[in-house]
Amino acid sequence: MLRFLVLAAIVAIGCRLLLGRWPWDYLRGSSVRQQAVGRARRLLGITGTANRSEILGAHKRLVAMVHPDRGGSNDQVHEANAARDLLLDELPEEIPPK
């Protein structure tokens, strides 16, 4: 029994050191915000490494397609705007040059 506990502790610490997360974090799944960010990225068709200009460009293209004047709906435009805002909030803060 003691061997099992020691082995489990070694595996848990190794997982934390190698992957940056505890093993039970993988069992819990992703948070609601992470799921929303994933949906927003899929909606805009961008990767996780997209910068501000890529997010804005993807948003502009999407809104051009779903705009009510082109057969879309207001709800689609609002969804695109919400996706843009969420992804822009996820970007790291830019430090202004001195």
N, C-alpha and C. Protein backbone atom coordinates (compact mmCIF):
# COMPACT_ATOMS: atom_id res chain seq x y z
N MET A 1 0.82 -1.19 0.00
CA MET A 1 0.00 0.00 0.00
C MET A 1 0.86 1.25 0.00
N LEU A 2 1.93 1.23 0.77
CA LEU A 2 2.82 2.38 0.84
C LEU A 2 3.50 2.61 -0.50
N ARG A 3 3.85 1.53 -1.18
CA ARG A 3 4.48 1.65 -2.50
C ARG A 3 3.53 2.35 -3.48
N PHE A 4 2.26 1.99 -3.41
CA PHE A 4 1.28 2.61 -4.29
C PHE A 4 1.17 4.11 -4.04
N LEU A 5 1.14 4.52 -2.79
CA LEU A 5 1.05 5.94 -2.45
C LEU A 5 2.28 6.70 -2.91
N VAL A 6 3.46 6.11 -2.71
CA VAL A 6 4.70 6.76 -3.15
C VAL A 6 4.71 6.86 -4.68
N LEU A 7 4.32 5.81 -5.37
CA LEU A 7 4.27 5.83 -6.83
C LEU A 7 3.27 6.86 -7.33
N ALA A 8 2.10 6.95 -6.70
CA ALA A 8 1.09 7.94 -7.09
C ALA A 8 1.62 9.36 -6.89
N ALA A 9 2.33 9.60 -5.79
CA ALA A 9 2.89 10.92 -5.54
C ALA A 9 3.96 11.27 -6.57
N ILE A 10 4.78 10.32 -6.94
CA ILE A 10 5.82 10.56 -7.94
C ILE A 10 5.19 10.87 -9.30
N VAL A 11 4.16 10.13 -9.65
CA VAL A 11 3.48 10.37 -10.93
C VAL A 11 2.83 11.75 -10.93
N ALA A 12 2.18 12.12 -9.84
CA ALA A 12 1.52 13.42 -9.76
C ALA A 12 2.53 14.56 -9.86
N ILE A 13 3.62 14.45 -9.14
CA ILE A 13 4.65 15.50 -9.18
C ILE A 13 5.30 15.55 -10.56
N GLY A 14 5.55 14.39 -11.15
CA GLY A 14 6.11 14.35 -12.51
C GLY A 14 5.20 15.00 -13.52
N CYS A 15 3.91 14.74 -13.41
CA CYS A 15 2.93 15.36 -14.30
C CYS A 15 2.96 16.88 -14.15
N ARG A 16 3.01 17.34 -12.91
CA ARG A 16 3.04 18.78 -12.65
C ARG A 16 4.30 19.42 -13.23
N LEU A 17 5.45 18.75 -13.06
CA LEU A 17 6.71 19.31 -13.55
C LEU A 17 6.80 19.27 -15.07
N LEU A 18 6.33 18.20 -15.68
CA LEU A 18 6.46 18.06 -17.13
C LEU A 18 5.37 18.79 -17.90
N LEU A 19 4.15 18.76 -17.41
CA LEU A 19 3.02 19.31 -18.16
C LEU A 19 2.47 20.61 -17.60
N GLY A 20 2.87 20.97 -16.40
CA GLY A 20 2.43 22.23 -15.81
C GLY A 20 1.08 22.18 -15.12
N ARG A 21 0.44 21.01 -15.08
CA ARG A 21 -0.86 20.88 -14.42
C ARG A 21 -0.85 19.60 -13.61
N TRP A 22 -1.64 19.58 -12.54
CA TRP A 22 -1.80 18.39 -11.74
C TRP A 22 -2.67 17.39 -12.50
N PRO A 23 -2.52 16.10 -12.26
CA PRO A 23 -3.32 15.10 -12.98
C PRO A 23 -4.82 15.28 -12.81
N TRP A 24 -5.27 15.70 -11.64
CA TRP A 24 -6.70 15.86 -11.41
C TRP A 24 -7.27 17.05 -12.17
N ASP A 25 -6.41 17.98 -12.61
CA ASP A 25 -6.88 19.08 -13.44
C ASP A 25 -7.37 18.55 -14.80
N TYR A 26 -6.75 17.50 -15.30
CA TYR A 26 -7.17 16.91 -16.56
C TYR A 26 -8.50 16.18 -16.42
N LEU A 27 -8.78 15.64 -15.26
CA LEU A 27 -10.03 14.94 -15.04
C LEU A 27 -11.21 15.89 -14.89
N ARG A 28 -10.94 17.08 -14.42
CA ARG A 28 -11.99 18.06 -14.18
C ARG A 28 -12.55 18.64 -15.48
N GLY A 29 -11.75 18.68 -16.53
CA GLY A 29 -12.20 19.28 -17.78
C GLY A 29 -11.86 20.75 -17.81
N SER A 30 -12.32 21.41 -18.84
CA SER A 30 -12.00 22.82 -18.99
C SER A 30 -13.10 23.68 -18.37
N SER A 31 -12.74 24.90 -18.04
CA SER A 31 -13.70 25.80 -17.41
C SER A 31 -14.67 26.34 -18.46
N VAL A 32 -15.72 26.96 -17.98
CA VAL A 32 -16.74 27.52 -18.87
C VAL A 32 -16.13 28.61 -19.73
N ARG A 33 -15.26 29.43 -19.13
CA ARG A 33 -14.62 30.50 -19.91
C ARG A 33 -13.73 29.93 -21.01
N GLN A 34 -12.98 28.88 -20.70
CA GLN A 34 -12.13 28.26 -21.71
C GLN A 34 -12.97 27.69 -22.84
N GLN A 35 -14.12 27.13 -22.52
CA GLN A 35 -15.01 26.61 -23.55
C GLN A 35 -15.55 27.75 -24.42
N ALA A 36 -15.89 28.87 -23.78
CA ALA A 36 -16.40 30.02 -24.53
C ALA A 36 -15.33 30.58 -25.45
N VAL A 37 -14.09 30.63 -24.97
CA VAL A 37 -12.98 31.11 -25.80
C VAL A 37 -12.78 30.18 -26.99
N GLY A 38 -12.87 28.89 -26.77
CA GLY A 38 -12.75 27.93 -27.87
C GLY A 38 -13.84 28.11 -28.91
N ARG A 39 -15.09 28.31 -28.46
CA ARG A 39 -16.19 28.55 -29.39
C ARG A 39 -15.99 29.85 -30.16
N ALA A 40 -15.49 30.89 -29.47
CA ALA A 40 -15.25 32.16 -30.15
C ALA A 40 -14.17 32.03 -31.22
N ARG A 41 -13.12 31.28 -30.91
CA ARG A 41 -12.07 31.06 -31.91
C ARG A 41 -12.60 30.30 -33.12
N ARG A 42 -13.41 29.28 -32.87
CA ARG A 42 -13.99 28.52 -33.99
C ARG A 42 -14.92 29.40 -34.82
N LEU A 43 -15.72 30.24 -34.15
CA LEU A 43 -16.64 31.12 -34.86
C LEU A 43 -15.88 32.07 -35.78
N LEU A 44 -14.81 32.66 -35.27
CA LEU A 44 -14.04 33.60 -36.08
C LEU A 44 -13.03 32.91 -36.99
N GLY A 45 -12.80 31.63 -36.77
CA GLY A 45 -11.89 30.88 -37.62
C GLY A 45 -10.43 31.24 -37.42
N ILE A 46 -10.03 31.44 -36.16
CA ILE A 46 -8.66 31.81 -35.87
C ILE A 46 -8.04 30.79 -34.92
N THR A 47 -6.71 30.84 -34.81
CA THR A 47 -5.99 29.93 -33.92
C THR A 47 -5.81 30.56 -32.55
N GLY A 48 -5.26 29.79 -31.64
CA GLY A 48 -5.02 30.28 -30.29
C GLY A 48 -3.89 31.29 -30.22
N THR A 49 -3.10 31.40 -31.28
CA THR A 49 -1.97 32.32 -31.28
C THR A 49 -2.27 33.61 -32.02
N ALA A 50 -3.53 33.84 -32.35
CA ALA A 50 -3.91 35.04 -33.12
C ALA A 50 -3.65 36.30 -32.31
N ASN A 51 -3.16 37.31 -32.99
CA ASN A 51 -2.93 38.59 -32.32
C ASN A 51 -4.13 39.51 -32.54
N ARG A 52 -4.03 40.73 -32.05
CA ARG A 52 -5.13 41.68 -32.11
C ARG A 52 -5.59 41.95 -33.54
N SER A 53 -4.67 42.17 -34.45
CA SER A 53 -5.05 42.50 -35.82
C SER A 53 -5.70 41.30 -36.51
N GLU A 54 -5.27 40.08 -36.20
CA GLU A 54 -5.89 38.90 -36.79
C GLU A 54 -7.32 38.71 -36.27
N ILE A 55 -7.52 38.98 -34.99
CA ILE A 55 -8.86 38.87 -34.41
C ILE A 55 -9.79 39.90 -35.06
N LEU A 56 -9.32 41.13 -35.17
CA LEU A 56 -10.15 42.18 -35.76
C LEU A 56 -10.44 41.91 -37.23
N GLY A 57 -9.45 41.40 -37.96
CA GLY A 57 -9.67 41.08 -39.38
C GLY A 57 -10.68 39.96 -39.56
N ALA A 58 -10.57 38.91 -38.72
CA ALA A 58 -11.52 37.79 -38.80
C ALA A 58 -12.92 38.27 -38.43
N HIS A 59 -13.02 39.14 -37.44
CA HIS A 59 -14.32 39.68 -37.04
C HIS A 59 -14.93 40.48 -38.18
N LYS A 60 -14.13 41.30 -38.82
CA LYS A 60 -14.62 42.14 -39.92
C LYS A 60 -15.14 41.27 -41.07
N ARG A 61 -14.41 40.20 -41.40
CA ARG A 61 -14.86 39.30 -42.47
C ARG A 61 -16.16 38.60 -42.10
N LEU A 62 -16.26 38.15 -40.85
CA LEU A 62 -17.46 37.46 -40.42
C LEU A 62 -18.67 38.38 -40.43
N VAL A 63 -18.51 39.59 -39.91
CA VAL A 63 -19.63 40.53 -39.86
C VAL A 63 -20.06 40.90 -41.28
N ALA A 64 -19.13 40.99 -42.21
CA ALA A 64 -19.49 41.28 -43.59
C ALA A 64 -20.38 40.17 -44.17
N MET A 65 -20.18 38.93 -43.72
CA MET A 65 -20.99 37.81 -44.23
C MET A 65 -22.35 37.71 -43.54
N VAL A 66 -22.42 38.03 -42.24
CA VAL A 66 -23.66 37.80 -41.49
C VAL A 66 -24.44 39.08 -41.22
N HIS A 67 -24.06 40.17 -41.83
CA HIS A 67 -24.74 41.45 -41.61
C HIS A 67 -26.18 41.34 -42.13
N PRO A 68 -27.13 41.96 -41.45
CA PRO A 68 -28.54 41.89 -41.88
C PRO A 68 -28.76 42.39 -43.31
N ASP A 69 -27.96 43.32 -43.78
CA ASP A 69 -28.10 43.80 -45.16
C ASP A 69 -27.70 42.74 -46.17
N ARG A 70 -26.99 41.71 -45.73
CA ARG A 70 -26.56 40.64 -46.63
C ARG A 70 -27.28 39.33 -46.34
N GLY A 71 -28.39 39.40 -45.64
CA GLY A 71 -29.19 38.21 -45.40
C GLY A 71 -28.96 37.57 -44.04
N GLY A 72 -28.08 38.15 -43.24
CA GLY A 72 -27.85 37.62 -41.90
C GLY A 72 -28.85 38.19 -40.91
N SER A 73 -28.53 38.04 -39.64
CA SER A 73 -29.44 38.55 -38.61
C SER A 73 -28.66 39.37 -37.58
N ASN A 74 -29.41 40.13 -36.81
CA ASN A 74 -28.79 40.91 -35.74
C ASN A 74 -28.15 40.00 -34.70
N ASP A 75 -28.76 38.86 -34.44
CA ASP A 75 -28.22 37.92 -33.46
C ASP A 75 -26.84 37.41 -33.88
N GLN A 76 -26.67 37.16 -35.17
CA GLN A 76 -25.37 36.71 -35.66
C GLN A 76 -24.31 37.79 -35.50
N VAL A 77 -24.68 39.03 -35.75
CA VAL A 77 -23.73 40.14 -35.57
C VAL A 77 -23.38 40.29 -34.10
N HIS A 78 -24.38 40.18 -33.23
CA HIS A 78 -24.11 40.28 -31.79
C HIS A 78 -23.21 39.15 -31.31
N GLU A 79 -23.40 37.96 -31.84
CA GLU A 79 -22.56 36.83 -31.48
C GLU A 79 -21.13 37.05 -31.95
N ALA A 80 -20.96 37.59 -33.15
CA ALA A 80 -19.62 37.88 -33.65
C ALA A 80 -18.94 38.95 -32.80
N ASN A 81 -19.70 39.97 -32.41
CA ASN A 81 -19.15 41.04 -31.56
C ASN A 81 -18.73 40.50 -30.19
N ALA A 82 -19.55 39.62 -29.63
CA ALA A 82 -19.23 39.03 -28.33
C ALA A 82 -17.98 38.17 -28.43
N ALA A 83 -17.84 37.42 -29.53
CA ALA A 83 -16.64 36.59 -29.72
C ALA A 83 -15.41 37.47 -29.83
N ARG A 84 -15.50 38.55 -30.59
CA ARG A 84 -14.38 39.47 -30.72
C ARG A 84 -13.98 40.05 -29.36
N ASP A 85 -14.97 40.52 -28.61
CA ASP A 85 -14.68 41.14 -27.31
C ASP A 85 -14.04 40.15 -26.34
N LEU A 86 -14.55 38.92 -26.33
CA LEU A 86 -14.00 37.89 -25.45
C LEU A 86 -12.55 37.59 -25.80
N LEU A 87 -12.26 37.43 -27.09
CA LEU A 87 -10.90 37.11 -27.51
C LEU A 87 -9.94 38.28 -27.27
N LEU A 88 -10.42 39.49 -27.45
CA LEU A 88 -9.56 40.65 -27.18
C LEU A 88 -9.27 40.75 -25.68
N ASP A 89 -10.23 40.37 -24.84
CA ASP A 89 -10.00 40.37 -23.39
C ASP A 89 -8.99 39.31 -22.98
N GLU A 90 -8.88 38.24 -23.75
CA GLU A 90 -7.95 37.16 -23.43
C GLU A 90 -6.51 37.49 -23.80
N LEU A 91 -6.30 38.49 -24.65
CA LEU A 91 -4.94 38.84 -25.05
C LEU A 91 -4.17 39.40 -23.87
N PRO A 92 -2.85 39.12 -23.82
CA PRO A 92 -2.05 39.70 -22.73
C PRO A 92 -1.97 41.22 -22.89
N GLU A 93 -1.86 41.87 -21.76
CA GLU A 93 -1.74 43.33 -21.76
C GLU A 93 -0.46 43.76 -22.46
N GLU A 94 -0.57 44.75 -23.32
CA GLU A 94 0.61 45.29 -23.98
C GLU A 94 1.23 46.36 -23.10
N ILE A 95 2.52 46.28 -22.92
CA ILE A 95 3.23 47.28 -22.11
C ILE A 95 3.64 48.41 -23.04
N PRO A 96 3.19 49.63 -22.77
CA PRO A 96 3.54 50.75 -23.64
C PRO A 96 5.05 51.05 -23.57
N PRO A 97 5.64 51.44 -24.70
CA PRO A 97 7.07 51.75 -24.68
C PRO A 97 7.33 53.01 -23.85
N LYS A 98 8.52 53.05 -23.25
CA LYS A 98 8.87 54.22 -22.41
C LYS A 98 9.56 55.26 -23.23
